[in-house]
Amino acid sequence: MGEKSHLEIEMIERTWDEILPKIRLAGYAGNTSDAFFDIDEEEKESVLHRHSEKLAIAYGIMRTKDPTVIRIVKNLRVCEDCHHATKLISKVFGRELIVRDRNRFHHFREGSCSCMDYW
């Protein structure tokens, strides 16, 4: 999160900025309740939008053609906000996303997750 060393970070962030309004229309609202930082709500939401899995999904959408499955592996647990956003991305963009976090595989398809929202 917050890493800016990727050569295409500007394009990745622009792609995320194009994804965000589309999932907002489908019901996404940033869930800042898990953010423990002592910063204002707007800043918390901005930080949430730059979580690594969201940027990885943006990169996957940017660099692959539909219907390629996007696979992401991370060593931390997926936060509730990223889980919800990924469900909506799978629905809005019609893409399958597989995210391996430290606990399990999450297979997102058509707006739902294989974990049945228990993780």
PDB file of N, CA and C in Angstrom:
ATOM      1  N   MET A   1       0.836  -1.176   0.000  1.00  0.00           N
ATOM      2  CA  MET A   1       0.000   0.000   0.000  1.00  0.00           C
ATOM      3  C   MET A   1       0.882   1.242   0.000  1.00  0.00           C
ATOM      4  N   GLY A   2       0.577   2.150  -0.880  1.00  0.00           N
ATOM      5  CA  GLY A   2       1.322   3.388  -0.935  1.00  0.00           C
ATOM      6  C   GLY A   2       2.614   3.307  -1.727  1.00  0.00           C
ATOM      7  N   GLU A   3       2.929   2.139  -2.243  1.00  0.00           N
ATOM      8  CA  GLU A   3       4.155   1.963  -3.031  1.00  0.00           C
ATOM      9  C   GLU A   3       4.007   2.662  -4.368  1.00  0.00           C
ATOM     10  N   LYS A   4       5.001   3.419  -4.765  1.00  0.00           N
ATOM     11  CA  LYS A   4       4.939   4.198  -6.002  1.00  0.00           C
ATOM     12  C   LYS A   4       6.065   3.845  -6.968  1.00  0.00           C
ATOM     13  N   SER A   5       6.789   2.754  -6.727  1.00  0.00           N
ATOM     14  CA  SER A   5       7.964   2.469  -7.544  1.00  0.00           C
ATOM     15  C   SER A   5       7.650   1.741  -8.853  1.00  0.00           C
ATOM     16  N   HIS A   6       6.431   1.240  -9.007  1.00  0.00           N
ATOM     17  CA  HIS A   6       6.081   0.544 -10.253  1.00  0.00           C
ATOM     18  C   HIS A   6       6.163   1.524 -11.422  1.00  0.00           C
ATOM     19  N   LEU A   7       6.725   1.058 -12.519  1.00  0.00           N
ATOM     20  CA  LEU A   7       6.911   1.934 -13.680  1.00  0.00           C
ATOM     21  C   LEU A   7       5.601   2.470 -14.255  1.00  0.00           C
ATOM     22  N   GLU A   8       4.525   1.745 -14.048  1.00  0.00           N
ATOM     23  CA  GLU A   8       3.231   2.150 -14.608  1.00  0.00           C
ATOM     24  C   GLU A   8       2.241   2.615 -13.543  1.00  0.00           C
ATOM     25  N   ILE A   9       2.743   3.065 -12.394  1.00  0.00           N
ATOM     26  CA  ILE A   9       1.862   3.424 -11.282  1.00  0.00           C
ATOM     27  C   ILE A   9       0.853   4.506 -11.661  1.00  0.00           C
ATOM     28  N   GLU A  10       1.235   5.465 -12.466  1.00  0.00           N
ATOM     29  CA  GLU A  10       0.289   6.519 -12.843  1.00  0.00           C
ATOM     30  C   GLU A  10      -0.865   5.949 -13.660  1.00  0.00           C
ATOM     31  N   MET A  11      -0.566   5.043 -14.581  1.00  0.00           N
ATOM     32  CA  MET A  11      -1.606   4.422 -15.392  1.00  0.00           C
ATOM     33  C   MET A  11      -2.472   3.486 -14.542  1.00  0.00           C
ATOM     34  N   ILE A  12      -1.855   2.789 -13.608  1.00  0.00           N
ATOM     35  CA  ILE A  12      -2.604   1.908 -12.708  1.00  0.00           C
ATOM     36  C   ILE A  12      -3.580   2.729 -11.878  1.00  0.00           C
ATOM     37  N   GLU A  13      -3.124   3.839 -11.322  1.00  0.00           N
ATOM     38  CA  GLU A  13      -3.998   4.689 -10.508  1.00  0.00           C
ATOM     39  C   GLU A  13      -5.105   5.323 -11.344  1.00  0.00           C
ATOM     40  N   ARG A  14      -4.813   5.694 -12.583  1.00  0.00           N
ATOM     41  CA  ARG A  14      -5.859   6.218 -13.476  1.00  0.00           C
ATOM     42  C   ARG A  14      -6.898   5.140 -13.758  1.00  0.00           C
ATOM     43  N   THR A  15      -6.438   3.914 -13.967  1.00  0.00           N
ATOM     44  CA  THR A  15      -7.377   2.810 -14.205  1.00  0.00           C
ATOM     45  C   THR A  15      -8.257   2.604 -12.985  1.00  0.00           C
ATOM     46  N   TRP A  16      -7.667   2.640 -11.779  1.00  0.00           N
ATOM     47  CA  TRP A  16      -8.472   2.511 -10.559  1.00  0.00           C
ATOM     48  C   TRP A  16      -9.482   3.660 -10.472  1.00  0.00           C
ATOM     49  N   ASP A  17      -9.046   4.861 -10.836  1.00  0.00           N
ATOM     50  CA  ASP A  17      -9.944   6.013 -10.800  1.00  0.00           C
ATOM     51  C   ASP A  17     -11.088   5.879 -11.812  1.00  0.00           C
ATOM     52  N   GLU A  18     -10.928   5.061 -12.842  1.00  0.00           N
ATOM     53  CA  GLU A  18     -12.011   4.761 -13.789  1.00  0.00           C
ATOM     54  C   GLU A  18     -12.911   3.645 -13.268  1.00  0.00           C
ATOM     55  N   ILE A  19     -12.353   2.733 -12.503  1.00  0.00           N
ATOM     56  CA  ILE A  19     -13.124   1.628 -11.922  1.00  0.00           C
ATOM     57  C   ILE A  19     -14.031   2.146 -10.814  1.00  0.00           C
ATOM     58  N   LEU A  20     -13.509   3.018  -9.974  1.00  0.00           N
ATOM     59  CA  LEU A  20     -14.202   3.487  -8.775  1.00  0.00           C
ATOM     60  C   LEU A  20     -15.611   4.030  -9.027  1.00  0.00           C
ATOM     61  N   PRO A  21     -15.826   4.949  -9.959  1.00  0.00           N
ATOM     62  CA  PRO A  21     -17.201   5.447 -10.144  1.00  0.00           C
ATOM     63  C   PRO A  21     -18.161   4.363 -10.639  1.00  0.00           C
ATOM     64  N   LYS A  22     -17.645   3.396 -11.377  1.00  0.00           N
ATOM     65  CA  LYS A  22     -18.505   2.320 -11.881  1.00  0.00           C
ATOM     66  C   LYS A  22     -18.967   1.417 -10.755  1.00  0.00           C
ATOM     67  N   ILE A  23     -18.087   1.107  -9.812  1.00  0.00           N
ATOM     68  CA  ILE A  23     -18.528   0.262  -8.698  1.00  0.00           C
ATOM     69  C   ILE A  23     -19.345   1.067  -7.688  1.00  0.00           C
ATOM     70  N   ARG A  24     -19.114   2.369  -7.632  1.00  0.00           N
ATOM     71  CA  ARG A  24     -19.962   3.209  -6.761  1.00  0.00           C
ATOM     72  C   ARG A  24     -21.406   3.185  -7.246  1.00  0.00           C
ATOM     73  N   LEU A  25     -21.590   3.189  -8.558  1.00  0.00           N
ATOM     74  CA  LEU A  25     -22.949   3.097  -9.109  1.00  0.00           C
ATOM     75  C   LEU A  25     -23.610   1.766  -8.740  1.00  0.00           C
ATOM     76  N   ALA A  26     -22.791   0.750  -8.503  1.00  0.00           N
ATOM     77  CA  ALA A  26     -23.310  -0.571  -8.130  1.00  0.00           C
ATOM     78  C   ALA A  26     -23.473  -0.720  -6.621  1.00  0.00           C
ATOM     79  N   GLY A  27     -23.145   0.344  -5.862  1.00  0.00           N
ATOM     80  CA  GLY A  27     -23.383   0.315  -4.429  1.00  0.00           C
ATOM     81  C   GLY A  27     -22.154   0.396  -3.545  1.00  0.00           C
ATOM     82  N   TYR A  28     -20.984   0.581  -4.113  1.00  0.00           N
ATOM     83  CA  TYR A  28     -19.776   0.655  -3.298  1.00  0.00           C
ATOM     84  C   TYR A  28     -19.692   1.996  -2.571  1.00  0.00           C
ATOM     85  N   ALA A  29     -19.363   1.914  -1.307  1.00  0.00           N
ATOM     86  CA  ALA A  29     -19.022   3.085  -0.498  1.00  0.00           C
ATOM     87  C   ALA A  29     -17.874   2.637   0.396  1.00  0.00           C
ATOM     88  N   GLY A  30     -16.801   3.375   0.415  1.00  0.00           N
ATOM     89  CA  GLY A  30     -15.634   2.973   1.201  1.00  0.00           C
ATOM     90  C   GLY A  30     -15.987   2.707   2.651  1.00  0.00           C
ATOM     91  N   ASN A  31     -15.554   1.568   3.165  1.00  0.00           N
ATOM     92  CA  ASN A  31     -15.795   1.199   4.554  1.00  0.00           C
ATOM     93  C   ASN A  31     -14.549   1.530   5.362  1.00  0.00           C
ATOM     94  N   THR A  32     -14.577   2.640   6.050  1.00  0.00           N
ATOM     95  CA  THR A  32     -13.407   3.088   6.807  1.00  0.00           C
ATOM     96  C   THR A  32     -13.434   2.613   8.254  1.00  0.00           C
ATOM     97  N   SER A  33     -14.381   1.772   8.622  1.00  0.00           N
ATOM     98  CA  SER A  33     -14.497   1.362  10.021  1.00  0.00           C
ATOM     99  C   SER A  33     -13.303   0.539  10.501  1.00  0.00           C
ATOM    100  N   ASP A  34     -12.596  -0.132   9.593  1.00  0.00           N
ATOM    101  CA  ASP A  34     -11.438  -0.934   9.986  1.00  0.00           C
ATOM    102  C   ASP A  34     -10.139  -0.134   9.987  1.00  0.00           C
ATOM    103  N   ALA A  35     -10.180   1.091   9.525  1.00  0.00           N
ATOM    104  CA  ALA A  35      -8.970   1.906   9.458  1.00  0.00           C
ATOM    105  C   ALA A  35      -8.698   2.493  10.841  1.00  0.00           C
ATOM    106  N   PHE A  36      -7.537   2.194  11.390  1.00  0.00           N
ATOM    107  CA  PHE A  36      -7.209   2.611  12.746  1.00  0.00           C
ATOM    108  C   PHE A  36      -6.368   3.881  12.801  1.00  0.00           C
ATOM    109  N   PHE A  37      -6.066   4.446  11.662  1.00  0.00           N
ATOM    110  CA  PHE A  37      -5.220   5.632  11.630  1.00  0.00           C
ATOM    111  C   PHE A  37      -5.951   6.831  12.202  1.00  0.00           C
ATOM    112  N   ASP A  38      -5.189   7.730  12.790  1.00  0.00           N
ATOM    113  CA  ASP A  38      -5.751   8.951  13.361  1.00  0.00           C
ATOM    114  C   ASP A  38      -5.739  10.044  12.286  1.00  0.00           C
ATOM    115  N   ILE A  39      -6.592   9.828  11.269  1.00  0.00           N
ATOM    116  CA  ILE A  39      -6.717  10.784  10.162  1.00  0.00           C
ATOM    117  C   ILE A  39      -8.202  10.979   9.880  1.00  0.00           C
ATOM    118  N   ASP A  40      -8.539  12.032   9.149  1.00  0.00           N
ATOM    119  CA  ASP A  40      -9.959  12.301   8.895  1.00  0.00           C
ATOM    120  C   ASP A  40     -10.542  11.270   7.920  1.00  0.00           C
ATOM    121  N   GLU A  41     -11.863  11.220   7.868  1.00  0.00           N
ATOM    122  CA  GLU A  41     -12.573  10.204   7.083  1.00  0.00           C
ATOM    123  C   GLU A  41     -12.220  10.242   5.597  1.00  0.00           C
ATOM    124  N   GLU A  42     -12.093  11.427   5.042  1.00  0.00           N
ATOM    125  CA  GLU A  42     -11.771  11.551   3.616  1.00  0.00           C
ATOM    126  C   GLU A  42     -10.396  10.957   3.314  1.00  0.00           C
ATOM    127  N   GLU A  43      -9.453  11.203   4.197  1.00  0.00           N
ATOM    128  CA  GLU A  43      -8.110  10.671   4.019  1.00  0.00           C
ATOM    129  C   GLU A  43      -8.095   9.149   4.200  1.00  0.00           C
ATOM    130  N   LYS A  44      -8.893   8.643   5.154  1.00  0.00           N
ATOM    131  CA  LYS A  44      -8.999   7.196   5.340  1.00  0.00           C
ATOM    132  C   LYS A  44      -9.508   6.528   4.070  1.00  0.00           C
ATOM    133  N   GLU A  45     -10.518   7.123   3.453  1.00  0.00           N
ATOM    134  CA  GLU A  45     -11.075   6.559   2.227  1.00  0.00           C
ATOM    135  C   GLU A  45     -10.042   6.584   1.099  1.00  0.00           C
ATOM    136  N   SER A  46      -9.278   7.641   1.023  1.00  0.00           N
ATOM    137  CA  SER A  46      -8.226   7.734   0.010  1.00  0.00           C
ATOM    138  C   SER A  46      -7.184   6.629   0.210  1.00  0.00           C
ATOM    139  N   VAL A  47      -6.825   6.372   1.453  1.00  0.00           N
ATOM    140  CA  VAL A  47      -5.873   5.296   1.771  1.00  0.00           C
ATOM    141  C   VAL A  47      -6.470   3.948   1.390  1.00  0.00           C
ATOM    142  N   LEU A  48      -7.745   3.735   1.692  1.00  0.00           N
ATOM    143  CA  LEU A  48      -8.405   2.470   1.338  1.00  0.00           C
ATOM    144  C   LEU A  48      -8.377   2.220  -0.165  1.00  0.00           C
ATOM    145  N   HIS A  49      -8.502   3.266  -0.938  1.00  0.00           N
ATOM    146  CA  HIS A  49      -8.533   3.119  -2.393  1.00  0.00           C
ATOM    147  C   HIS A  49      -7.180   2.764  -2.972  1.00  0.00           C
ATOM    148  N   ARG A  50      -6.149   2.816  -2.188  1.00  0.00           N
ATOM    149  CA  ARG A  50      -4.806   2.486  -2.677  1.00  0.00           C
ATOM    150  C   ARG A  50      -4.277   1.187  -2.079  1.00  0.00           C
ATOM    151  N   HIS A  51      -5.168   0.348  -1.550  1.00  0.00           N
ATOM    152  CA  HIS A  51      -4.736  -0.962  -1.072  1.00  0.00           C
ATOM    153  C   HIS A  51      -4.190  -1.779  -2.239  1.00  0.00           C
ATOM    154  N   SER A  52      -3.215  -2.603  -1.940  1.00  0.00           N
ATOM    155  CA  SER A  52      -2.477  -3.313  -2.991  1.00  0.00           C
ATOM    156  C   SER A  52      -3.356  -4.176  -3.875  1.00  0.00           C
ATOM    157  N   GLU A  53      -4.359  -4.859  -3.299  1.00  0.00           N
ATOM    158  CA  GLU A  53      -5.185  -5.727  -4.150  1.00  0.00           C
ATOM    159  C   GLU A  53      -6.050  -4.922  -5.110  1.00  0.00           C
ATOM    160  N   LYS A  54      -6.474  -3.740  -4.702  1.00  0.00           N
ATOM    161  CA  LYS A  54      -7.251  -2.893  -5.611  1.00  0.00           C
ATOM    162  C   LYS A  54      -6.383  -2.427  -6.778  1.00  0.00           C
ATOM    163  N   LEU A  55      -5.153  -2.036  -6.471  1.00  0.00           N
ATOM    164  CA  LEU A  55      -4.248  -1.619  -7.538  1.00  0.00           C
ATOM    165  C   LEU A  55      -3.859  -2.808  -8.418  1.00  0.00           C
ATOM    166  N   ALA A  56      -3.721  -3.983  -7.822  1.00  0.00           N
ATOM    167  CA  ALA A  56      -3.412  -5.185  -8.607  1.00  0.00           C
ATOM    168  C   ALA A  56      -4.568  -5.524  -9.541  1.00  0.00           C
ATOM    169  N   ILE A  57      -5.787  -5.375  -9.066  1.00  0.00           N
ATOM    170  CA  ILE A  57      -6.955  -5.616  -9.921  1.00  0.00           C
ATOM    171  C   ILE A  57      -6.986  -4.604 -11.059  1.00  0.00           C
ATOM    172  N   ALA A  58      -6.712  -3.345 -10.742  1.00  0.00           N
ATOM    173  CA  ALA A  58      -6.671  -2.313 -11.786  1.00  0.00           C
ATOM    174  C   ALA A  58      -5.622  -2.669 -12.830  1.00  0.00           C
ATOM    175  N   TYR A  59      -4.476  -3.128 -12.380  1.00  0.00           N
ATOM    176  CA  TYR A  59      -3.420  -3.522 -13.309  1.00  0.00           C
ATOM    177  C   TYR A  59      -3.875  -4.707 -14.158  1.00  0.00           C
ATOM    178  N   GLY A  60      -4.528  -5.671 -13.539  1.00  0.00           N
ATOM    179  CA  GLY A  60      -5.033  -6.828 -14.275  1.00  0.00           C
ATOM    180  C   GLY A  60      -6.050  -6.442 -15.326  1.00  0.00           C
ATOM    181  N   ILE A  61      -6.958  -5.552 -14.982  1.00  0.00           N
ATOM    182  CA  ILE A  61      -7.955  -5.080 -15.949  1.00  0.00           C
ATOM    183  C   ILE A  61      -7.273  -4.299 -17.064  1.00  0.00           C
ATOM    184  N   MET A  62      -6.270  -3.535 -16.701  1.00  0.00           N
ATOM    185  CA  MET A  62      -5.543  -2.712 -17.651  1.00  0.00           C
ATOM    186  C   MET A  62      -4.746  -3.565 -18.641  1.00  0.00           C
ATOM    187  N   ARG A  63      -4.194  -4.685 -18.194  1.00  0.00           N
ATOM    188  CA  ARG A  63      -3.261  -5.456 -19.000  1.00  0.00           C
ATOM    189  C   ARG A  63      -3.804  -6.767 -19.575  1.00  0.00           C
ATOM    190  N   THR A  64      -5.015  -7.148 -19.238  1.00  0.00           N
ATOM    191  CA  THR A  64      -5.573  -8.401 -19.774  1.00  0.00           C
ATOM    192  C   THR A  64      -6.875  -8.128 -20.495  1.00  0.00           C
ATOM    193  N   LYS A  65      -7.220  -9.026 -21.352  1.00  0.00           N
ATOM    194  CA  LYS A  65      -8.483  -8.911 -22.077  1.00  0.00           C
ATOM    195  C   LYS A  65      -9.515  -9.814 -21.414  1.00  0.00           C
ATOM    196  N   ASP A  66     -10.740  -9.373 -21.471  1.00  0.00           N
ATOM    197  CA  ASP A  66     -11.849 -10.167 -20.988  1.00  0.00           C
ATOM    198  C   ASP A  66     -11.927 -11.424 -21.860  1.00  0.00           C
ATOM    199  N   PRO A  67     -12.098 -12.588 -21.387  1.00  0.00           N
ATOM    200  CA  PRO A  67     -12.495 -13.059 -20.059  1.00  0.00           C
ATOM    201  C   PRO A  67     -11.345 -13.610 -19.226  1.00  0.00           C
ATOM    202  N   THR A  68     -10.145 -13.113 -19.394  1.00  0.00           N
ATOM    203  CA  THR A  68      -9.004 -13.615 -18.627  1.00  0.00           C
ATOM    204  C   THR A  68      -9.269 -13.471 -17.131  1.00  0.00           C
ATOM    205  N   VAL A  69      -9.035 -14.554 -16.394  1.00  0.00           N
ATOM    206  CA  VAL A  69      -9.187 -14.537 -14.941  1.00  0.00           C
ATOM    207  C   VAL A  69      -8.006 -13.784 -14.353  1.00  0.00           C
ATOM    208  N   ILE A  70      -8.287 -12.909 -13.404  1.00  0.00           N
ATOM    209  CA  ILE A  70      -7.240 -12.147 -12.721  1.00  0.00           C
ATOM    210  C   ILE A  70      -6.948 -12.865 -11.399  1.00  0.00           C
ATOM    211  N   ARG A  71      -5.677 -13.205 -11.193  1.00  0.00           N
ATOM    212  CA  ARG A  71      -5.257 -13.913  -9.985  1.00  0.00           C
ATOM    213  C   ARG A  71      -4.298 -13.036  -9.182  1.00  0.00           C
ATOM    214  N   ILE A  72      -4.567 -12.947  -7.885  1.00  0.00           N
ATOM    215  CA  ILE A  72      -3.757 -12.112  -6.995  1.00  0.00           C
ATOM    216  C   ILE A  72      -3.394 -12.943  -5.768  1.00  0.00           C
ATOM    217  N   VAL A  73      -2.140 -12.848  -5.359  1.00  0.00           N
ATOM    218  CA  VAL A  73      -1.681 -13.521  -4.147  1.00  0.00           C
ATOM    219  C   VAL A  73      -1.137 -12.454  -3.215  1.00  0.00           C
ATOM    220  N   LYS A  74      -1.565 -12.526  -1.958  1.00  0.00           N
ATOM    221  CA  LYS A  74      -1.054 -11.570  -0.970  1.00  0.00           C
ATOM    222  C   LYS A  74      -0.797 -12.295   0.336  1.00  0.00           C
ATOM    223  N   ASN A  75       0.056 -11.734   1.166  1.00  0.00           N
ATOM    224  CA  ASN A  75       0.417 -12.403   2.409  1.00  0.00           C
ATOM    225  C   ASN A  75      -0.359 -11.899   3.622  1.00  0.00           C
ATOM    226  N   LEU A  76      -1.267 -10.985   3.411  1.00  0.00           N
ATOM    227  CA  LEU A  76      -2.119 -10.474   4.480  1.00  0.00           C
ATOM    228  C   LEU A  76      -3.564 -10.840   4.204  1.00  0.00           C
ATOM    229  N   ARG A  77      -4.384 -10.721   5.211  1.00  0.00           N
ATOM    230  CA  ARG A  77      -5.810 -10.977   5.053  1.00  0.00           C
ATOM    231  C   ARG A  77      -6.448  -9.838   4.252  1.00  0.00           C
ATOM    232  N   VAL A  78      -7.391 -10.184   3.392  1.00  0.00           N
ATOM    233  CA  VAL A  78      -8.139  -9.180   2.629  1.00  0.00           C
ATOM    234  C   VAL A  78      -9.028  -8.412   3.602  1.00  0.00           C
ATOM    235  N   CYS A  79      -9.009  -7.094   3.543  1.00  0.00           N
ATOM    236  CA  CYS A  79      -9.872  -6.311   4.429  1.00  0.00           C
ATOM    237  C   CYS A  79     -11.313  -6.339   3.903  1.00  0.00           C
ATOM    238  N   GLU A  80     -12.235  -5.986   4.765  1.00  0.00           N
ATOM    239  CA  GLU A  80     -13.658  -6.014   4.410  1.00  0.00           C
ATOM    240  C   GLU A  80     -13.968  -5.102   3.229  1.00  0.00           C
ATOM    241  N   ASP A  81     -13.348  -3.941   3.192  1.00  0.00           N
ATOM    242  CA  ASP A  81     -13.587  -2.996   2.105  1.00  0.00           C
ATOM    243  C   ASP A  81     -13.107  -3.571   0.771  1.00  0.00           C
ATOM    244  N   CYS A  82     -11.912  -4.142   0.746  1.00  0.00           N
ATOM    245  CA  CYS A  82     -11.385  -4.725  -0.500  1.00  0.00           C
ATOM    246  C   CYS A  82     -12.225  -5.910  -0.946  1.00  0.00           C
ATOM    247  N   HIS A  83     -12.695  -6.704   0.009  1.00  0.00           N
ATOM    248  CA  HIS A  83     -13.541  -7.854  -0.310  1.00  0.00           C
ATOM    249  C   HIS A  83     -14.818  -7.382  -0.996  1.00  0.00           C
ATOM    250  N   HIS A  84     -15.457  -6.373  -0.422  1.00  0.00           N
ATOM    251  CA  HIS A  84     -16.697  -5.841  -0.997  1.00  0.00           C
ATOM    252  C   HIS A  84     -16.448  -5.221  -2.374  1.00  0.00           C
ATOM    253  N   ALA A  85     -15.372  -4.441  -2.490  1.00  0.00           N
ATOM    254  CA  ALA A  85     -15.043  -3.815  -3.776  1.00  0.00           C
ATOM    255  C   ALA A  85     -14.770  -4.871  -4.836  1.00  0.00           C
ATOM    256  N   THR A  86     -14.076  -5.940  -4.476  1.00  0.00           N
ATOM    257  CA  THR A  86     -13.753  -6.989  -5.444  1.00  0.00           C
ATOM    258  C   THR A  86     -15.008  -7.712  -5.900  1.00  0.00           C
ATOM    259  N   LYS A  87     -15.945  -7.931  -4.990  1.00  0.00           N
ATOM    260  CA  LYS A  87     -17.222  -8.533  -5.400  1.00  0.00           C
ATOM    261  C   LYS A  87     -17.910  -7.659  -6.441  1.00  0.00           C
ATOM    262  N   LEU A  88     -17.948  -6.364  -6.203  1.00  0.00           N
ATOM    263  CA  LEU A  88     -18.609  -5.459  -7.141  1.00  0.00           C
ATOM    264  C   LEU A  88     -17.858  -5.367  -8.467  1.00  0.00           C
ATOM    265  N   ILE A  89     -16.534  -5.389  -8.426  1.00  0.00           N
ATOM    266  CA  ILE A  89     -15.754  -5.368  -9.664  1.00  0.00           C
ATOM    267  C   ILE A  89     -16.070  -6.599 -10.499  1.00  0.00           C
ATOM    268  N   SER A  90     -16.168  -7.761  -9.846  1.00  0.00           N
ATOM    269  CA  SER A  90     -16.488  -8.986 -10.590  1.00  0.00           C
ATOM    270  C   SER A  90     -17.857  -8.893 -11.247  1.00  0.00           C
ATOM    271  N   LYS A  91     -18.780  -8.214 -10.594  1.00  0.00           N
ATOM    272  CA  LYS A  91     -20.127  -8.049 -11.137  1.00  0.00           C
ATOM    273  C   LYS A  91     -20.154  -7.014 -12.262  1.00  0.00           C
ATOM    274  N   VAL A  92     -19.608  -5.836 -12.005  1.00  0.00           N
ATOM    275  CA  VAL A  92     -19.675  -4.729 -12.956  1.00  0.00           C
ATOM    276  C   VAL A  92     -18.867  -5.020 -14.219  1.00  0.00           C
ATOM    277  N   PHE A  93     -17.694  -5.616 -14.058  1.00  0.00           N
ATOM    278  CA  PHE A  93     -16.813  -5.852 -15.194  1.00  0.00           C
ATOM    279  C   PHE A  93     -16.948  -7.267 -15.768  1.00  0.00           C
ATOM    280  N   GLY A  94     -17.754  -8.108 -15.122  1.00  0.00           N
ATOM    281  CA  GLY A  94     -17.953  -9.467 -15.611  1.00  0.00           C
ATOM    282  C   GLY A  94     -16.671 -10.275 -15.635  1.00  0.00           C
ATOM    283  N   ARG A  95     -15.789 -10.033 -14.668  1.00  0.00           N
ATOM    284  CA  ARG A  95     -14.501 -10.725 -14.617  1.00  0.00           C
ATOM    285  C   ARG A  95     -14.458 -11.662 -13.424  1.00  0.00           C
ATOM    286  N   GLU A  96     -13.787 -12.774 -13.592  1.00  0.00           N
ATOM    287  CA  GLU A  96     -13.504 -13.655 -12.463  1.00  0.00           C
ATOM    288  C   GLU A  96     -12.202 -13.191 -11.842  1.00  0.00           C
ATOM    289  N   LEU A  97     -12.207 -13.128 -10.518  1.00  0.00           N
ATOM    290  CA  LEU A  97     -11.010 -12.722  -9.782  1.00  0.00           C
ATOM    291  C   LEU A  97     -10.754 -13.762  -8.706  1.00  0.00           C
ATOM    292  N   ILE A  98      -9.529 -14.218  -8.624  1.00  0.00           N
ATOM    293  CA  ILE A  98      -9.141 -15.154  -7.584  1.00  0.00           C
ATOM    294  C   ILE A  98      -8.088 -14.470  -6.737  1.00  0.00           C
ATOM    295  N   VAL A  99      -8.391 -14.327  -5.452  1.00  0.00           N
ATOM    296  CA  VAL A  99      -7.474 -13.661  -4.533  1.00  0.00           C
ATOM    297  C   VAL A  99      -7.100 -14.650  -3.441  1.00  0.00           C
ATOM    298  N   ARG A 100      -5.817 -14.921  -3.321  1.00  0.00           N
ATOM    299  CA  ARG A 100      -5.311 -15.786  -2.259  1.00  0.00           C
ATOM    300  C   ARG A 100      -4.767 -14.890  -1.165  1.00  0.00           C
ATOM    301  N   ASP A 101      -5.420 -14.904  -0.002  1.00  0.00           N
ATOM    302  CA  ASP A 101      -4.881 -14.156   1.125  1.00  0.00           C
ATOM    303  C   ASP A 101      -4.254 -15.148   2.100  1.00  0.00           C
ATOM    304  N   ARG A 102      -3.893 -14.707   3.277  1.00  0.00           N
ATOM    305  CA  ARG A 102      -3.182 -15.603   4.195  1.00  0.00           C
ATOM    306  C   ARG A 102      -4.055 -16.732   4.729  1.00  0.00           C
ATOM    307  N   ASN A 103      -5.369 -16.590   4.604  1.00  0.00           N
ATOM    308  CA  ASN A 103      -6.283 -17.605   5.133  1.00  0.00           C
ATOM    309  C   ASN A 103      -6.854 -18.545   4.087  1.00  0.00           C
ATOM    310  N   ARG A 104      -7.166 -18.054   2.893  1.00  0.00           N
ATOM    311  CA  ARG A 104      -7.880 -18.880   1.920  1.00  0.00           C
ATOM    312  C   ARG A 104      -7.859 -18.255   0.540  1.00  0.00           C
ATOM    313  N   PHE A 105      -8.389 -19.018  -0.404  1.00  0.00           N
ATOM    314  CA  PHE A 105      -8.641 -18.508  -1.741  1.00  0.00           C
ATOM    315  C   PHE A 105     -10.038 -17.898  -1.758  1.00  0.00           C
ATOM    316  N   HIS A 106     -10.158 -16.759  -2.377  1.00  0.00           N
ATOM    317  CA  HIS A 106     -11.450 -16.127  -2.609  1.00  0.00           C
ATOM    318  C   HIS A 106     -11.662 -16.132  -4.115  1.00  0.00           C
ATOM    319  N   HIS A 107     -12.731 -16.746  -4.556  1.00  0.00           N
ATOM    320  CA  HIS A 107     -13.042 -16.792  -5.983  1.00  0.00           C
ATOM    321  C   HIS A 107     -14.277 -15.922  -6.197  1.00  0.00           C
ATOM    322  N   PHE A 108     -14.043 -14.758  -6.803  1.00  0.00           N
ATOM    323  CA  PHE A 108     -15.116 -13.791  -7.028  1.00  0.00           C
ATOM    324  C   PHE A 108     -15.668 -13.975  -8.429  1.00  0.00           C
ATOM    325  N   ARG A 109     -16.981 -14.110  -8.503  1.00  0.00           N
ATOM    326  CA  ARG A 109     -17.645 -14.249  -9.799  1.00  0.00           C
ATOM    327  C   ARG A 109     -19.057 -13.701  -9.679  1.00  0.00           C
ATOM    328  N   GLU A 110     -19.424 -12.847 -10.639  1.00  0.00           N
ATOM    329  CA  GLU A 110     -20.783 -12.295 -10.742  1.00  0.00           C
ATOM    330  C   GLU A 110     -21.267 -11.661  -9.438  1.00  0.00           C
ATOM    331  N   GLY A 111     -20.381 -10.994  -8.739  1.00  0.00           N
ATOM    332  CA  GLY A 111     -20.768 -10.260  -7.538  1.00  0.00           C
ATOM    333  C   GLY A 111     -20.809 -11.060  -6.260  1.00  0.00           C
ATOM    334  N   SER A 112     -20.315 -12.288  -6.280  1.00  0.00           N
ATOM    335  CA  SER A 112     -20.281 -13.055  -5.040  1.00  0.00           C
ATOM    336  C   SER A 112     -18.919 -13.719  -4.878  1.00  0.00           C
ATOM    337  N   CYS A 113     -18.654 -14.172  -3.676  1.00  0.00           N
ATOM    338  CA  CYS A 113     -17.368 -14.787  -3.351  1.00  0.00           C
ATOM    339  C   CYS A 113     -17.587 -16.204  -2.846  1.00  0.00           C
ATOM    340  N   SER A 114     -16.638 -17.065  -3.159  1.00  0.00           N
ATOM    341  CA  SER A 114     -16.717 -18.459  -2.754  1.00  0.00           C
ATOM    342  C   SER A 114     -16.706 -18.630  -1.234  1.00  0.00           C
ATOM    343  N   CYS A 115     -16.184 -17.657  -0.504  1.00  0.00           N
ATOM    344  CA  CYS A 115     -16.163 -17.763   0.959  1.00  0.00           C
ATOM    345  C   CYS A 115     -17.520 -17.444   1.575  1.00  0.00           C
ATOM    346  N   MET A 116     -18.447 -17.027   0.728  1.00  0.00           N
ATOM    347  CA  MET A 116     -19.792 -16.655   1.179  1.00  0.00           C
ATOM    348  C   MET A 116     -19.742 -15.589   2.272  1.00  0.00           C
ATOM    349  N   ASP A 117     -18.803 -14.654   2.104  1.00  0.00           N
ATOM    350  CA  ASP A 117     -18.594 -13.512   2.984  1.00  0.00           C
ATOM    351  C   ASP A 117     -18.199 -13.913   4.404  1.00  0.00           C
ATOM    352  N   TYR A 118     -17.625 -15.105   4.529  1.00  0.00           N
ATOM    353  CA  TYR A 118     -17.051 -15.519   5.805  1.00  0.00           C
ATOM    354  C   TYR A 118     -15.572 -15.720   5.590  1.00  0.00           C
ATOM    355  N   TRP A 119     -14.804 -14.827   6.121  1.00  0.00           N
ATOM    356  CA  TRP A 119     -13.362 -14.968   5.999  1.00  0.00           C
ATOM    357  C   TRP A 119     -12.742 -14.546   7.279  1.00  0.00           C
TER     358      TRP A 119
END
